Amino acid sequence: MFPAENLRDWRTEKVIDPDGNKIGELEAVYVDTATDQPAFATVKVGMIGRHKLAFVPLDGATVLPNAVRVRYDKKLIGDAPTIDLDGELAATDEPALFAHYKLPYQAGTAGERRLARR
């Protein structure tokens, strides 16, 4: 995996699925609060005037010359939990986000949230 600070350099670059289909533009990186490693990205999706931010895991993602390729299909990402462009992922919504991608979820030992935006 690549450091979160490198991913920030890709903000507004396109995000593509394994088949090369454009999903949207990289908007932000969320790190795992336990490891401080990149865990999810938000991708700007939708039609003009109705954009949302969809979450996609960064495990297995690769940086190409003009895009970030994620290992999840465009349809699965399109069905993922979203937030408004100026929204924030609620701590109570984190388990559903992980479940959508069939990823294990565990809050911090004191119940703190698992994801933090960078």
C-alpha atoms as a PDB file:
ATOM      1  CA  MET A   1       0.000   0.000   0.000  1.00  0.00           C
ATOM      2  CA  PHE A   2       1.095   3.568  -0.518  1.00  0.00           C
ATOM      3  CA  PRO A   3       1.184   6.293   2.175  1.00  0.00           C
ATOM      4  CA  ALA A   4      -1.928   8.405   2.714  1.00  0.00           C
ATOM      5  CA  GLU A   5      -0.042  11.586   1.914  1.00  0.00           C
ATOM      6  CA  ASN A   6       0.686  10.253  -1.592  1.00  0.00           C
ATOM      7  CA  LEU A   7      -2.985   9.497  -2.143  1.00  0.00           C
ATOM      8  CA  ARG A   8      -3.892  13.091  -1.314  1.00  0.00           C
ATOM      9  CA  ASP A   9      -1.838  14.083  -4.349  1.00  0.00           C
ATOM     10  CA  TRP A  10      -4.404  12.215  -6.442  1.00  0.00           C
ATOM     11  CA  ARG A  11      -7.388  14.272  -5.250  1.00  0.00           C
ATOM     12  CA  THR A  12      -9.679  14.997  -8.234  1.00  0.00           C
ATOM     13  CA  GLU A  13      -7.998  12.283 -10.328  1.00  0.00           C
ATOM     14  CA  LYS A  14     -10.234   9.577 -11.722  1.00  0.00           C
ATOM     15  CA  VAL A  15     -10.895   6.339  -9.889  1.00  0.00           C
ATOM     16  CA  ILE A  16     -11.439   3.248 -12.025  1.00  0.00           C
ATOM     17  CA  ASP A  17     -12.558  -0.308 -11.345  1.00  0.00           C
ATOM     18  CA  PRO A  18     -10.572  -3.455 -12.294  1.00  0.00           C
ATOM     19  CA  ASP A  19     -12.018  -3.358 -15.836  1.00  0.00           C
ATOM     20  CA  GLY A  20     -11.007   0.281 -16.359  1.00  0.00           C
ATOM     21  CA  ASN A  21     -14.518   1.707 -15.960  1.00  0.00           C
ATOM     22  CA  LYS A  22     -14.477   5.235 -14.531  1.00  0.00           C
ATOM     23  CA  ILE A  23     -16.230   5.385 -11.171  1.00  0.00           C
ATOM     24  CA  GLY A  24     -15.663   9.054 -10.372  1.00  0.00           C
ATOM     25  CA  GLU A  25     -13.074  11.423  -8.929  1.00  0.00           C
ATOM     26  CA  LEU A  26     -11.041  10.850  -5.765  1.00  0.00           C
ATOM     27  CA  GLU A  27     -12.238  13.291  -3.137  1.00  0.00           C
ATOM     28  CA  ALA A  28     -10.658  12.264   0.191  1.00  0.00           C
ATOM     29  CA  VAL A  29      -8.754   9.523   1.970  1.00  0.00           C
ATOM     30  CA  TYR A  30      -9.911   7.935   5.230  1.00  0.00           C
ATOM     31  CA  VAL A  31      -7.342   6.188   7.398  1.00  0.00           C
ATOM     32  CA  ASP A  32      -7.812   3.353   9.863  1.00  0.00           C
ATOM     33  CA  THR A  33      -7.487   5.031  13.270  1.00  0.00           C
ATOM     34  CA  ALA A  34      -5.750   1.971  14.721  1.00  0.00           C
ATOM     35  CA  THR A  35      -2.960   1.838  12.106  1.00  0.00           C
ATOM     36  CA  ASP A  36      -3.019   5.316  10.502  1.00  0.00           C
ATOM     37  CA  GLN A  37      -2.944   3.532   7.124  1.00  0.00           C
ATOM     38  CA  PRO A  38      -5.227   4.425   4.179  1.00  0.00           C
ATOM     39  CA  ALA A  39      -8.400   2.340   4.438  1.00  0.00           C
ATOM     40  CA  PHE A  40     -11.106   3.994   2.303  1.00  0.00           C
ATOM     41  CA  ALA A  41     -11.442   6.779  -0.209  1.00  0.00           C
ATOM     42  CA  THR A  42     -14.463   8.826  -1.076  1.00  0.00           C
ATOM     43  CA  VAL A  43     -15.240   9.056  -4.761  1.00  0.00           C
ATOM     44  CA  LYS A  44     -17.398  11.810  -6.236  1.00  0.00           C
ATOM     45  CA  VAL A  45     -20.151   9.995  -8.141  1.00  0.00           C
ATOM     46  CA  GLY A  46     -23.480  10.874  -9.735  1.00  0.00           C
ATOM     47  CA  MET A  47     -24.849  13.349 -12.190  1.00  0.00           C
ATOM     48  CA  ILE A  48     -24.100  17.075 -12.293  1.00  0.00           C
ATOM     49  CA  GLY A  49     -26.099  18.763  -9.578  1.00  0.00           C
ATOM     50  CA  ARG A  50     -26.703  15.458  -7.788  1.00  0.00           C
ATOM     51  CA  HIS A  51     -23.193  14.386  -6.825  1.00  0.00           C
ATOM     52  CA  LYS A  52     -22.583  12.252  -3.740  1.00  0.00           C
ATOM     53  CA  LEU A  53     -19.471  10.778  -2.183  1.00  0.00           C
ATOM     54  CA  ALA A  54     -19.293   6.981  -2.278  1.00  0.00           C
ATOM     55  CA  PHE A  55     -16.865   5.049  -0.108  1.00  0.00           C
ATOM     56  CA  VAL A  56     -14.492   2.473  -1.577  1.00  0.00           C
ATOM     57  CA  PRO A  57     -11.850   0.402   0.235  1.00  0.00           C
ATOM     58  CA  LEU A  58      -8.252   1.083  -0.735  1.00  0.00           C
ATOM     59  CA  ASP A  59      -6.892  -2.393  -0.029  1.00  0.00           C
ATOM     60  CA  GLY A  60      -5.366  -3.650  -3.266  1.00  0.00           C
ATOM     61  CA  ALA A  61      -5.614  -0.231  -4.972  1.00  0.00           C
ATOM     62  CA  THR A  62      -2.898   0.747  -7.424  1.00  0.00           C
ATOM     63  CA  VAL A  63      -1.804   4.113  -8.746  1.00  0.00           C
ATOM     64  CA  LEU A  64      -1.591   4.402 -12.538  1.00  0.00           C
ATOM     65  CA  PRO A  65      -0.207   7.372 -14.487  1.00  0.00           C
ATOM     66  CA  ASN A  66      -3.640   9.004 -14.724  1.00  0.00           C
ATOM     67  CA  ALA A  67      -5.910   7.163 -12.286  1.00  0.00           C
ATOM     68  CA  VAL A  68      -6.266   5.168  -9.104  1.00  0.00           C
ATOM     69  CA  ARG A  69      -7.476   1.635  -9.797  1.00  0.00           C
ATOM     70  CA  VAL A  70      -9.465  -0.005  -7.003  1.00  0.00           C
ATOM     71  CA  ARG A  71     -10.216  -3.701  -6.843  1.00  0.00           C
ATOM     72  CA  TYR A  72     -13.981  -3.294  -6.487  1.00  0.00           C
ATOM     73  CA  ASP A  73     -16.521  -3.266  -9.305  1.00  0.00           C
ATOM     74  CA  LYS A  74     -18.226  -0.012 -10.315  1.00  0.00           C
ATOM     75  CA  LYS A  75     -21.689  -1.444  -9.555  1.00  0.00           C
ATOM     76  CA  LEU A  76     -20.719  -2.487  -6.015  1.00  0.00           C
ATOM     77  CA  ILE A  77     -19.269   0.964  -5.378  1.00  0.00           C
ATOM     78  CA  GLY A  78     -22.382   2.580  -6.842  1.00  0.00           C
ATOM     79  CA  ASP A  79     -24.485   0.700  -4.295  1.00  0.00           C
ATOM     80  CA  ALA A  80     -22.167   1.614  -1.395  1.00  0.00           C
ATOM     81  CA  PRO A  81     -23.145   3.982   1.404  1.00  0.00           C
ATOM     82  CA  THR A  82     -22.777   7.635   0.398  1.00  0.00           C
ATOM     83  CA  ILE A  83     -22.630  11.028   2.034  1.00  0.00           C
ATOM     84  CA  ASP A  84     -23.351  14.505   0.708  1.00  0.00           C
ATOM     85  CA  LEU A  85     -20.438  16.467  -0.769  1.00  0.00           C
ATOM     86  CA  ASP A  86     -20.162  18.454   2.454  1.00  0.00           C
ATOM     87  CA  GLY A  87     -21.229  15.542   4.642  1.00  0.00           C
ATOM     88  CA  GLU A  88     -19.438  13.425   7.184  1.00  0.00           C
ATOM     89  CA  LEU A  89     -19.600   9.693   7.806  1.00  0.00           C
ATOM     90  CA  ALA A  90     -21.301   9.148  11.152  1.00  0.00           C
ATOM     91  CA  ALA A  91     -19.568   6.741  13.527  1.00  0.00           C
ATOM     92  CA  THR A  92     -22.806   4.756  13.698  1.00  0.00           C
ATOM     93  CA  ASP A  93     -22.671   4.239   9.897  1.00  0.00           C
ATOM     94  CA  GLU A  94     -19.196   2.710   9.873  1.00  0.00           C
ATOM     95  CA  PRO A  95     -20.307  -0.910  10.529  1.00  0.00           C
ATOM     96  CA  ALA A  96     -22.721  -0.807   7.553  1.00  0.00           C
ATOM     97  CA  LEU A  97     -19.968   0.540   5.303  1.00  0.00           C
ATOM     98  CA  PHE A  98     -17.620  -2.314   6.204  1.00  0.00           C
ATOM     99  CA  ALA A  99     -20.469  -4.844   5.870  1.00  0.00           C
ATOM    100  CA  HIS A 100     -21.274  -3.592   2.355  1.00  0.00           C
ATOM    101  CA  TYR A 101     -17.811  -4.692   1.237  1.00  0.00           C
ATOM    102  CA  LYS A 102     -17.858  -7.815   3.457  1.00  0.00           C
ATOM    103  CA  LEU A 103     -14.951  -6.476   5.508  1.00  0.00           C
ATOM    104  CA  PRO A 104     -14.548  -7.138   9.240  1.00  0.00           C
ATOM    105  CA  TYR A 105     -15.405  -4.219  11.489  1.00  0.00           C
ATOM    106  CA  GLN A 106     -14.226  -3.576  15.001  1.00  0.00           C
ATOM    107  CA  ALA A 107     -14.513  -0.260  16.796  1.00  0.00           C
ATOM    108  CA  GLY A 108     -11.666   0.866  19.012  1.00  0.00           C
ATOM    109  CA  THR A 109     -11.365  -0.578  22.506  1.00  0.00           C
ATOM    110  CA  ALA A 110     -13.014   2.509  23.989  1.00  0.00           C
ATOM    111  CA  GLY A 111     -15.655   2.560  21.232  1.00  0.00           C
ATOM    112  CA  GLU A 112     -13.876   5.200  19.174  1.00  0.00           C
ATOM    113  CA  ARG A 113     -14.508   5.385  15.477  1.00  0.00           C
ATOM    114  CA  ARG A 114     -12.519   3.303  13.049  1.00  0.00           C
ATOM    115  CA  LEU A 115     -12.125   5.805  10.171  1.00  0.00           C
ATOM    116  CA  ALA A 116     -10.743   9.349  10.104  1.00  0.00           C
ATOM    117  CA  ARG A 117     -10.629  11.660   7.103  1.00  0.00           C
ATOM    118  CA  ARG A 118      -7.234  12.924   5.979  1.00  0.00           C
END
